Amino acid sequence: MRNWNLVKEMHLGRFNATGRYKQFIEKIGRSCQELESLHIHERDLAVDKGIVTAISKLLPRLKKLEFESVNMYPSAIEALFQLEEVHFQECNKVHAYEALPATSRIQHKPNGCLSFYLNWTVDGRGRANWEVRPL
């Protein structure tokens, strides 16, 4: 990734980065310092707090982040809401050793004071349905 300094939008499809996704995000952060929009579509990716922290720290100009068909750890979600836009499409909630309620109150304050609930329910196929509503 050389001479990618002016890239503003990136779509990541399926590729084999199992266990190395944080390092890949670090490389994007060093090479694409103007990146504003990132779309991640990777069925085998489990997005944990480490990946979200890497995205938050290493892509400081990022405004819009889209996850499609990824597996999301609930603890990773709160760190995402410093961005202007976050989209979840056909994502799965990872049922792990995290004792989080099905409804979580998350404070979101990008430019003022806005509070909302982030809710998810799991359907019969194990897919999470996400909903955001004001407090």
N, C-alpha and C. Protein backbone atom coordinates (compact mmCIF):
# COMPACT_ATOMS: atom_id res chain seq x y z
N MET A 1 0.84 -1.18 0.00
CA MET A 1 0.00 0.00 0.00
C MET A 1 0.88 1.23 0.00
N ARG A 2 1.33 1.60 -1.13
CA ARG A 2 2.13 2.82 -1.23
C ARG A 2 1.36 3.83 -2.06
N ASN A 3 1.58 5.09 -1.76
CA ASN A 3 0.94 6.18 -2.48
C ASN A 3 -0.58 6.12 -2.39
N TRP A 4 -1.09 5.71 -1.25
CA TRP A 4 -2.53 5.66 -1.02
C TRP A 4 -2.96 6.78 -0.07
N ASN A 5 -2.15 7.77 0.11
CA ASN A 5 -2.41 8.82 1.10
C ASN A 5 -3.72 9.56 0.90
N LEU A 6 -4.18 9.68 -0.34
CA LEU A 6 -5.38 10.47 -0.61
C LEU A 6 -6.65 9.65 -0.72
N VAL A 7 -6.59 8.35 -0.48
CA VAL A 7 -7.78 7.50 -0.55
C VAL A 7 -8.76 7.93 0.54
N LYS A 8 -10.02 8.19 0.15
CA LYS A 8 -11.04 8.65 1.09
C LYS A 8 -12.07 7.57 1.41
N GLU A 9 -12.23 6.59 0.52
CA GLU A 9 -13.25 5.55 0.71
C GLU A 9 -12.65 4.21 0.34
N MET A 10 -12.97 3.17 1.15
CA MET A 10 -12.43 1.84 0.89
C MET A 10 -13.49 0.79 1.20
N HIS A 11 -13.60 -0.20 0.32
CA HIS A 11 -14.48 -1.34 0.51
C HIS A 11 -13.62 -2.59 0.62
N LEU A 12 -13.73 -3.30 1.72
CA LEU A 12 -12.96 -4.52 1.92
C LEU A 12 -13.88 -5.71 1.78
N GLY A 13 -13.61 -6.54 0.80
CA GLY A 13 -14.37 -7.77 0.60
C GLY A 13 -13.72 -8.91 1.33
N ARG A 14 -14.02 -10.08 0.87
CA ARG A 14 -13.53 -11.29 1.54
C ARG A 14 -12.06 -11.54 1.21
N PHE A 15 -11.27 -11.74 2.23
CA PHE A 15 -9.88 -12.14 2.08
C PHE A 15 -9.44 -12.83 3.36
N ASN A 16 -8.38 -13.57 3.29
CA ASN A 16 -7.95 -14.37 4.43
C ASN A 16 -7.00 -13.56 5.31
N ALA A 17 -7.56 -12.95 6.35
CA ALA A 17 -6.75 -12.20 7.31
C ALA A 17 -7.03 -12.67 8.72
N THR A 18 -7.48 -13.91 8.85
CA THR A 18 -7.84 -14.45 10.15
C THR A 18 -6.71 -14.26 11.15
N GLY A 19 -7.04 -13.62 12.26
CA GLY A 19 -6.06 -13.39 13.31
C GLY A 19 -5.12 -12.22 13.04
N ARG A 20 -5.20 -11.64 11.86
CA ARG A 20 -4.30 -10.54 11.51
C ARG A 20 -5.07 -9.27 11.10
N TYR A 21 -6.34 -9.22 11.41
CA TYR A 21 -7.14 -8.08 10.95
C TYR A 21 -6.67 -6.78 11.58
N LYS A 22 -6.27 -6.81 12.85
CA LYS A 22 -5.77 -5.59 13.49
C LYS A 22 -4.53 -5.08 12.77
N GLN A 23 -3.63 -5.98 12.39
CA GLN A 23 -2.43 -5.56 11.67
C GLN A 23 -2.79 -4.98 10.31
N PHE A 24 -3.80 -5.53 9.68
CA PHE A 24 -4.25 -5.00 8.39
C PHE A 24 -4.81 -3.59 8.57
N ILE A 25 -5.59 -3.37 9.62
CA ILE A 25 -6.13 -2.03 9.90
C ILE A 25 -4.98 -1.07 10.19
N GLU A 26 -3.95 -1.52 10.89
CA GLU A 26 -2.78 -0.67 11.16
C GLU A 26 -2.12 -0.24 9.85
N LYS A 27 -1.99 -1.16 8.91
CA LYS A 27 -1.39 -0.84 7.62
C LYS A 27 -2.25 0.17 6.85
N ILE A 28 -3.57 -0.01 6.89
CA ILE A 28 -4.47 0.95 6.25
C ILE A 28 -4.30 2.32 6.91
N GLY A 29 -4.23 2.35 8.25
CA GLY A 29 -4.07 3.61 8.97
C GLY A 29 -2.81 4.36 8.60
N ARG A 30 -1.72 3.63 8.40
CA ARG A 30 -0.46 4.27 7.99
C ARG A 30 -0.49 4.72 6.53
N SER A 31 -1.16 3.96 5.68
CA SER A 31 -1.12 4.23 4.24
C SER A 31 -2.24 5.13 3.75
N CYS A 32 -3.36 5.15 4.43
CA CYS A 32 -4.55 5.88 3.97
C CYS A 32 -4.97 6.88 5.03
N GLN A 33 -4.17 7.88 5.25
CA GLN A 33 -4.39 8.81 6.36
C GLN A 33 -5.59 9.73 6.16
N GLU A 34 -6.12 9.80 4.95
CA GLU A 34 -7.28 10.64 4.67
C GLU A 34 -8.58 9.84 4.60
N LEU A 35 -8.54 8.56 4.95
CA LEU A 35 -9.70 7.68 4.82
C LEU A 35 -10.87 8.18 5.66
N GLU A 36 -12.03 8.36 5.02
CA GLU A 36 -13.23 8.85 5.69
C GLU A 36 -14.33 7.81 5.77
N SER A 37 -14.31 6.82 4.87
CA SER A 37 -15.37 5.82 4.80
C SER A 37 -14.77 4.44 4.59
N LEU A 38 -15.19 3.48 5.43
CA LEU A 38 -14.68 2.12 5.34
C LEU A 38 -15.85 1.14 5.41
N HIS A 39 -15.93 0.25 4.42
CA HIS A 39 -16.97 -0.78 4.36
C HIS A 39 -16.27 -2.14 4.48
N ILE A 40 -16.65 -2.91 5.49
CA ILE A 40 -16.04 -4.22 5.74
C ILE A 40 -17.10 -5.29 5.55
N HIS A 41 -16.88 -6.17 4.56
CA HIS A 41 -17.79 -7.28 4.27
C HIS A 41 -16.98 -8.56 4.34
N GLU A 42 -17.04 -9.23 5.47
CA GLU A 42 -16.22 -10.43 5.68
C GLU A 42 -16.95 -11.39 6.60
N ARG A 43 -17.52 -12.43 6.06
CA ARG A 43 -18.32 -13.38 6.84
C ARG A 43 -17.54 -14.07 7.95
N ASP A 44 -16.27 -14.26 7.79
CA ASP A 44 -15.48 -14.98 8.79
C ASP A 44 -14.85 -14.08 9.84
N LEU A 45 -15.13 -12.79 9.79
CA LEU A 45 -14.52 -11.85 10.72
C LEU A 45 -15.36 -11.70 11.99
N ALA A 46 -14.74 -11.87 13.14
CA ALA A 46 -15.38 -11.60 14.43
C ALA A 46 -14.82 -10.26 14.91
N VAL A 47 -15.66 -9.24 14.92
CA VAL A 47 -15.22 -7.89 15.30
C VAL A 47 -15.27 -7.79 16.82
N ASP A 48 -14.09 -7.68 17.40
CA ASP A 48 -13.99 -7.56 18.85
C ASP A 48 -13.52 -6.14 19.20
N LYS A 49 -13.38 -5.90 20.48
CA LYS A 49 -12.99 -4.57 20.94
C LYS A 49 -11.61 -4.18 20.43
N GLY A 50 -10.70 -5.13 20.25
CA GLY A 50 -9.37 -4.83 19.73
C GLY A 50 -9.41 -4.28 18.32
N ILE A 51 -10.24 -4.86 17.46
CA ILE A 51 -10.37 -4.37 16.09
C ILE A 51 -11.00 -2.98 16.09
N VAL A 52 -12.04 -2.80 16.89
CA VAL A 52 -12.71 -1.49 16.95
C VAL A 52 -11.76 -0.43 17.50
N THR A 53 -10.98 -0.77 18.51
CA THR A 53 -10.01 0.19 19.06
C THR A 53 -8.98 0.56 18.01
N ALA A 54 -8.51 -0.42 17.25
CA ALA A 54 -7.55 -0.14 16.17
C ALA A 54 -8.16 0.79 15.13
N ILE A 55 -9.41 0.54 14.76
CA ILE A 55 -10.09 1.41 13.79
C ILE A 55 -10.20 2.82 14.35
N SER A 56 -10.62 2.95 15.60
CA SER A 56 -10.80 4.27 16.21
C SER A 56 -9.50 5.06 16.31
N LYS A 57 -8.42 4.39 16.71
CA LYS A 57 -7.15 5.08 16.91
C LYS A 57 -6.38 5.32 15.62
N LEU A 58 -6.42 4.36 14.72
CA LEU A 58 -5.55 4.42 13.54
C LEU A 58 -6.20 5.07 12.33
N LEU A 59 -7.50 5.27 12.38
CA LEU A 59 -8.20 5.94 11.27
C LEU A 59 -8.93 7.17 11.83
N PRO A 60 -8.18 8.19 12.23
CA PRO A 60 -8.78 9.32 12.94
C PRO A 60 -9.74 10.16 12.11
N ARG A 61 -9.64 10.13 10.80
CA ARG A 61 -10.54 10.93 9.95
C ARG A 61 -11.79 10.16 9.54
N LEU A 62 -11.90 8.90 9.97
CA LEU A 62 -13.02 8.06 9.59
C LEU A 62 -14.33 8.63 10.13
N LYS A 63 -15.29 8.81 9.24
CA LYS A 63 -16.61 9.33 9.61
C LYS A 63 -17.68 8.26 9.47
N LYS A 64 -17.51 7.38 8.49
CA LYS A 64 -18.54 6.39 8.18
C LYS A 64 -17.91 5.00 8.17
N LEU A 65 -18.54 4.08 8.89
CA LEU A 65 -18.06 2.71 8.96
C LEU A 65 -19.24 1.78 8.73
N GLU A 66 -19.09 0.85 7.81
CA GLU A 66 -20.15 -0.11 7.52
C GLU A 66 -19.62 -1.52 7.73
N PHE A 67 -20.40 -2.32 8.45
CA PHE A 67 -20.10 -3.73 8.63
C PHE A 67 -21.19 -4.52 7.92
N GLU A 68 -20.79 -5.46 7.09
CA GLU A 68 -21.76 -6.31 6.40
C GLU A 68 -21.38 -7.76 6.61
N SER A 69 -22.31 -8.52 7.14
CA SER A 69 -22.17 -9.97 7.34
C SER A 69 -21.01 -10.35 8.25
N VAL A 70 -20.64 -9.48 9.16
CA VAL A 70 -19.58 -9.82 10.11
C VAL A 70 -20.20 -10.34 11.41
N ASN A 71 -19.39 -10.88 12.27
CA ASN A 71 -19.82 -11.33 13.59
C ASN A 71 -19.36 -10.27 14.59
N MET A 72 -20.31 -9.71 15.34
CA MET A 72 -20.02 -8.59 16.24
C MET A 72 -20.06 -9.03 17.70
N TYR A 73 -19.01 -8.73 18.43
CA TYR A 73 -19.03 -8.88 19.88
C TYR A 73 -19.73 -7.65 20.45
N PRO A 74 -20.69 -7.83 21.36
CA PRO A 74 -21.38 -6.68 21.93
C PRO A 74 -20.45 -5.64 22.55
N SER A 75 -19.36 -6.07 23.16
CA SER A 75 -18.45 -5.12 23.81
C SER A 75 -17.74 -4.21 22.81
N ALA A 76 -17.74 -4.59 21.54
CA ALA A 76 -17.06 -3.79 20.52
C ALA A 76 -17.92 -2.62 20.04
N ILE A 77 -19.20 -2.68 20.30
CA ILE A 77 -20.12 -1.72 19.69
C ILE A 77 -19.98 -0.32 20.25
N GLU A 78 -19.84 -0.18 21.56
CA GLU A 78 -19.84 1.15 22.18
C GLU A 78 -18.75 2.05 21.62
N ALA A 79 -17.59 1.53 21.36
CA ALA A 79 -16.48 2.34 20.85
C ALA A 79 -16.74 2.87 19.45
N LEU A 80 -17.68 2.30 18.74
CA LEU A 80 -17.95 2.72 17.36
C LEU A 80 -18.71 4.03 17.28
N PHE A 81 -19.40 4.41 18.33
CA PHE A 81 -20.34 5.52 18.21
C PHE A 81 -19.72 6.90 18.34
N GLN A 82 -18.40 7.01 18.19
CA GLN A 82 -17.77 8.31 18.06
C GLN A 82 -17.83 8.76 16.60
N LEU A 83 -18.17 7.85 15.71
CA LEU A 83 -18.24 8.15 14.28
C LEU A 83 -19.57 8.80 13.95
N GLU A 84 -19.61 9.48 12.81
CA GLU A 84 -20.86 10.11 12.38
C GLU A 84 -21.88 9.08 11.92
N GLU A 85 -21.42 8.02 11.26
CA GLU A 85 -22.32 6.98 10.76
C GLU A 85 -21.73 5.61 11.01
N VAL A 86 -22.55 4.71 11.51
CA VAL A 86 -22.17 3.31 11.65
C VAL A 86 -23.34 2.49 11.13
N HIS A 87 -23.07 1.56 10.23
CA HIS A 87 -24.11 0.72 9.65
C HIS A 87 -23.80 -0.75 9.94
N PHE A 88 -24.83 -1.51 10.28
CA PHE A 88 -24.71 -2.96 10.45
C PHE A 88 -25.69 -3.60 9.47
N GLN A 89 -25.20 -4.44 8.57
CA GLN A 89 -26.07 -5.14 7.62
C GLN A 89 -25.83 -6.63 7.74
N GLU A 90 -26.86 -7.38 8.06
CA GLU A 90 -26.78 -8.83 8.15
C GLU A 90 -25.63 -9.30 9.04
N CYS A 91 -25.44 -8.63 10.16
CA CYS A 91 -24.37 -8.99 11.08
C CYS A 91 -24.91 -9.96 12.14
N ASN A 92 -24.04 -10.76 12.67
CA ASN A 92 -24.40 -11.69 13.72
C ASN A 92 -23.83 -11.23 15.05
N LYS A 93 -24.61 -11.40 16.10
CA LYS A 93 -24.11 -11.12 17.45
C LYS A 93 -23.37 -12.37 17.93
N VAL A 94 -22.16 -12.20 18.38
CA VAL A 94 -21.38 -13.32 18.88
C VAL A 94 -21.80 -13.61 20.31
N HIS A 95 -22.21 -14.83 20.55
CA HIS A 95 -22.57 -15.26 21.91
C HIS A 95 -21.31 -15.82 22.54
N ALA A 96 -20.68 -15.03 23.37
CA ALA A 96 -19.42 -15.45 23.97
C ALA A 96 -19.53 -15.34 25.48
N TYR A 97 -18.43 -15.15 26.12
CA TYR A 97 -18.40 -15.06 27.57
C TYR A 97 -18.64 -13.64 28.04
N GLU A 98 -19.50 -12.92 27.37
CA GLU A 98 -19.79 -11.54 27.74
C GLU A 98 -21.17 -11.47 28.37
N ALA A 99 -21.23 -10.97 29.57
CA ALA A 99 -22.51 -10.86 30.27
C ALA A 99 -23.09 -9.48 30.04
N LEU A 100 -23.62 -9.26 28.86
CA LEU A 100 -24.25 -7.98 28.54
C LEU A 100 -25.74 -8.22 28.32
N PRO A 101 -26.59 -7.29 28.75
CA PRO A 101 -28.02 -7.45 28.54
C PRO A 101 -28.38 -7.30 27.07
N ALA A 102 -29.56 -7.76 26.72
CA ALA A 102 -30.02 -7.63 25.34
C ALA A 102 -30.29 -6.18 24.97
N THR A 103 -30.46 -5.32 25.96
CA THR A 103 -30.63 -3.90 25.71
C THR A 103 -29.52 -3.17 26.45
N SER A 104 -28.76 -2.39 25.74
CA SER A 104 -27.67 -1.66 26.35
C SER A 104 -27.88 -0.17 26.17
N ARG A 105 -27.64 0.60 27.21
CA ARG A 105 -27.73 2.05 27.11
C ARG A 105 -26.35 2.58 26.79
N ILE A 106 -26.25 3.28 25.70
CA ILE A 106 -24.98 3.82 25.25
C ILE A 106 -25.14 5.32 25.06
N GLN A 107 -24.27 6.10 25.64
CA GLN A 107 -24.30 7.55 25.46
C GLN A 107 -23.56 7.90 24.17
N HIS A 108 -24.21 8.63 23.32
CA HIS A 108 -23.62 9.03 22.04
C HIS A 108 -23.62 10.55 22.00
N LYS A 109 -22.44 11.16 21.98
CA LYS A 109 -22.33 12.62 22.03
C LYS A 109 -21.34 13.11 20.99
N PRO A 110 -21.67 13.04 19.69
CA PRO A 110 -20.71 13.48 18.69
C PRO A 110 -20.52 14.99 18.66
N ASN A 111 -21.60 15.74 18.66
CA ASN A 111 -21.53 17.20 18.58
C ASN A 111 -22.41 17.87 19.62
N GLY A 112 -22.98 17.13 20.46
CA GLY A 112 -23.89 17.66 21.45
C GLY A 112 -24.22 16.54 22.41
N CYS A 113 -25.43 16.52 22.89
CA CYS A 113 -25.82 15.48 23.83
C CYS A 113 -26.99 14.71 23.24
N LEU A 114 -26.74 13.51 22.82
CA LEU A 114 -27.77 12.65 22.28
C LEU A 114 -27.62 11.30 22.96
N SER A 115 -28.68 10.81 23.54
CA SER A 115 -28.64 9.51 24.20
C SER A 115 -29.60 8.57 23.49
N PHE A 116 -29.23 7.31 23.40
CA PHE A 116 -30.11 6.35 22.76
C PHE A 116 -29.86 4.96 23.31
N TYR A 117 -30.82 4.09 23.05
CA TYR A 117 -30.67 2.67 23.34
C TYR A 117 -30.23 1.96 22.08
N LEU A 118 -29.34 1.04 22.22
CA LEU A 118 -28.99 0.14 21.14
C LEU A 118 -29.54 -1.22 21.55
N ASN A 119 -30.47 -1.74 20.78
CA ASN A 119 -31.10 -3.02 21.09
C ASN A 119 -30.75 -4.05 20.04
N TRP A 120 -30.67 -5.29 20.44
CA TRP A 120 -30.57 -6.35 19.46
C TRP A 120 -31.33 -7.56 19.95
N THR A 121 -31.93 -8.24 19.01
CA THR A 121 -32.60 -9.50 19.29
C THR A 121 -32.05 -10.51 18.31
N VAL A 122 -32.07 -11.76 18.68
CA VAL A 122 -31.55 -12.80 17.81
C VAL A 122 -32.71 -13.59 17.24
N ASP A 123 -32.74 -13.72 15.90
CA ASP A 123 -33.82 -14.46 15.27
C ASP A 123 -33.54 -15.96 15.30
N GLY A 124 -34.40 -16.75 14.72
CA GLY A 124 -34.28 -18.20 14.74
C GLY A 124 -33.06 -18.74 14.02
N ARG A 125 -32.47 -17.95 13.14
CA ARG A 125 -31.27 -18.39 12.41
C ARG A 125 -29.99 -17.94 13.10
N GLY A 126 -30.12 -17.29 14.25
CA GLY A 126 -28.94 -16.83 14.97
C GLY A 126 -28.43 -15.47 14.53
N ARG A 127 -29.19 -14.78 13.69
CA ARG A 127 -28.80 -13.45 13.24
C ARG A 127 -29.35 -12.40 14.19
N ALA A 128 -28.56 -11.38 14.43
CA ALA A 128 -28.99 -10.31 15.32
C ALA A 128 -29.71 -9.23 14.51
N ASN A 129 -30.81 -8.76 15.05
CA ASN A 129 -31.52 -7.63 14.47
C ASN A 129 -31.24 -6.43 15.36
N TRP A 130 -30.68 -5.38 14.78
CA TRP A 130 -30.22 -4.21 15.53
C TRP A 130 -31.24 -3.09 15.42
N GLU A 131 -31.42 -2.35 16.50
CA GLU A 131 -32.33 -1.22 16.51
C GLU A 131 -31.74 -0.13 17.39
N VAL A 132 -31.80 1.10 16.91
CA VAL A 132 -31.37 2.25 17.70
C VAL A 132 -32.59 3.13 17.89
N ARG A 133 -32.85 3.53 19.14
CA ARG A 133 -33.96 4.45 19.38
C ARG A 133 -33.58 5.43 20.48
N PRO A 134 -34.16 6.62 20.43
CA PRO A 134 -33.83 7.64 21.44
C PRO A 134 -34.26 7.20 22.84
N LEU A 135 -33.59 7.74 23.84
CA LEU A 135 -33.98 7.47 25.23
C LEU A 135 -35.22 8.24 25.59
